[in-house]
Protein backbone atom coordinates (compact mmCIF):
# COMPACT_ATOMS: atom_id res chain seq x y z
CA VAL A 1 11.55 9.29 -12.19
CA ILE A 2 8.77 6.69 -11.99
CA ASP A 3 10.78 4.12 -13.93
CA ALA A 4 13.80 4.67 -11.70
CA PHE A 5 11.66 4.25 -8.60
CA LEU A 6 10.04 1.05 -9.88
CA LYS A 7 13.42 -0.35 -10.88
CA GLU A 8 14.47 -0.12 -7.22
CA PHE A 9 11.06 -0.86 -5.67
CA ILE A 10 10.15 -4.10 -7.44
CA PRO A 11 13.23 -6.15 -6.44
CA GLN A 12 12.85 -4.97 -2.83
CA ILE A 13 9.16 -5.77 -2.57
CA GLU A 14 9.72 -9.23 -4.07
CA LYS A 15 11.99 -10.07 -1.11
CA ILE A 16 9.10 -9.77 1.35
CA SER A 17 7.54 -13.00 2.58
CA VAL A 18 3.75 -12.69 2.52
CA ASP A 19 3.53 -15.09 5.43
CA ASP A 20 5.02 -12.44 7.72
CA PHE A 21 1.95 -10.16 7.76
CA THR A 22 -1.80 -10.07 7.33
CA HIS A 23 -2.45 -6.44 6.33
CA VAL A 24 -0.74 -3.96 4.02
CA PHE A 25 -0.95 -0.18 4.21
CA VAL A 26 0.34 1.71 1.18
CA PHE A 27 1.71 5.25 1.52
CA ALA A 28 2.18 6.88 -1.87
CA PRO A 29 1.62 10.19 -3.65
CA ASP A 30 -1.60 10.28 -5.64
CA TYR A 31 0.25 10.23 -8.96
CA MET A 32 2.30 7.17 -7.86
CA LYS A 33 -0.32 5.03 -6.11
CA ASN A 34 -1.32 3.13 -9.24
CA TYR A 35 2.30 2.39 -10.18
CA VAL A 36 3.00 1.17 -6.66
CA SER A 37 -0.17 -0.91 -6.53
CA GLU A 38 0.48 -2.50 -9.91
CA ALA A 39 4.06 -3.35 -8.93
CA LEU A 40 2.93 -5.31 -5.88
CA PRO A 41 2.87 -9.09 -6.23
CA GLN A 42 -0.66 -10.49 -6.22
CA GLN A 43 -0.25 -12.05 -2.77
CA ILE A 44 0.55 -8.62 -1.34
CA LYS A 45 -2.19 -6.84 -3.31
CA GLU A 46 -4.70 -9.14 -1.69
CA LYS A 47 -3.64 -7.88 1.75
CA VAL A 48 -3.94 -4.13 1.02
CA VAL A 49 -6.46 -2.58 3.41
CA GLU A 50 -5.69 1.12 3.03
CA VAL A 51 -3.94 3.44 0.60
CA PHE A 52 -2.79 6.69 2.21
CA GLU A 53 -2.31 9.25 -0.54
CA GLY A 54 0.31 11.92 -0.05
CA ASN A 55 4.01 12.63 -0.02
CA TYR A 56 5.43 10.98 3.09
CA VAL A 57 9.14 11.21 2.24
CA LYS A 58 9.91 13.62 5.06
CA THR A 59 7.40 12.10 7.50
CA ASN A 60 8.75 10.51 10.64
CA SER A 61 8.16 6.74 10.74
CA GLU A 62 6.44 7.11 14.13
CA ASP A 63 3.93 9.47 12.52
CA LEU A 64 3.23 6.90 9.80
CA LEU A 65 2.70 4.21 12.41
CA LYS A 66 0.33 6.57 14.26
CA LYS A 67 -1.76 6.93 11.07
CA VAL A 68 -1.98 3.15 10.80
CA GLN A 69 -2.81 2.79 14.49
CA ASP A 70 -5.53 5.46 14.25
CA ARG A 71 -7.01 3.69 11.24
CA LEU A 72 -6.96 0.34 13.04
CA GLU A 73 -8.70 1.81 16.07
CA ASN A 74 -11.50 3.19 13.88
CA LEU A 75 -12.29 -0.16 12.35
CA GLU A 76 -14.15 -2.89 14.16
CA GLU A 77 -12.80 -5.57 11.88
CA LEU A 78 -10.10 -4.84 9.35
CA GLU A 79 -10.29 -6.91 6.21
CA PRO A 80 -8.08 -6.72 3.13
CA MET A 81 -9.76 -5.23 0.08
CA SER A 82 -11.62 -7.64 -2.13
CA GLN A 83 -10.46 -7.86 -5.72
CA GLU A 84 -13.67 -6.09 -6.73
CA ALA A 85 -13.00 -3.22 -4.31
CA TYR A 86 -9.39 -2.99 -5.50
CA LYS A 87 -10.52 -2.78 -9.14
CA LEU A 88 -13.13 -0.12 -8.30
CA LEU A 89 -10.57 1.94 -6.39
CA HIS A 90 -8.26 1.97 -9.39
CA LYS A 91 -10.91 2.13 -12.13
CA GLY A 92 -10.11 4.61 -14.86
CA GLU A 93 -6.59 5.31 -13.67
């Protein structure tokens, strides 16, 4: 299942121009977050500011946007994760 997902995910994510955005929010089940994170090109990894763990397959896109909006409102200044923070988040996984 994971290999099949990554086979479809990687070519799609590589089509994204990193110049089109400044922040990335990842929505992924706990058991998939590391696979998703590792599959991201470095330029996108550097823009990850939040990883929402959970199964969002059946979640309405407006609800996902609300989660992002709520998170943005709770932060004075939103900065992408540093490489050190990224490594600590995924340490031992």
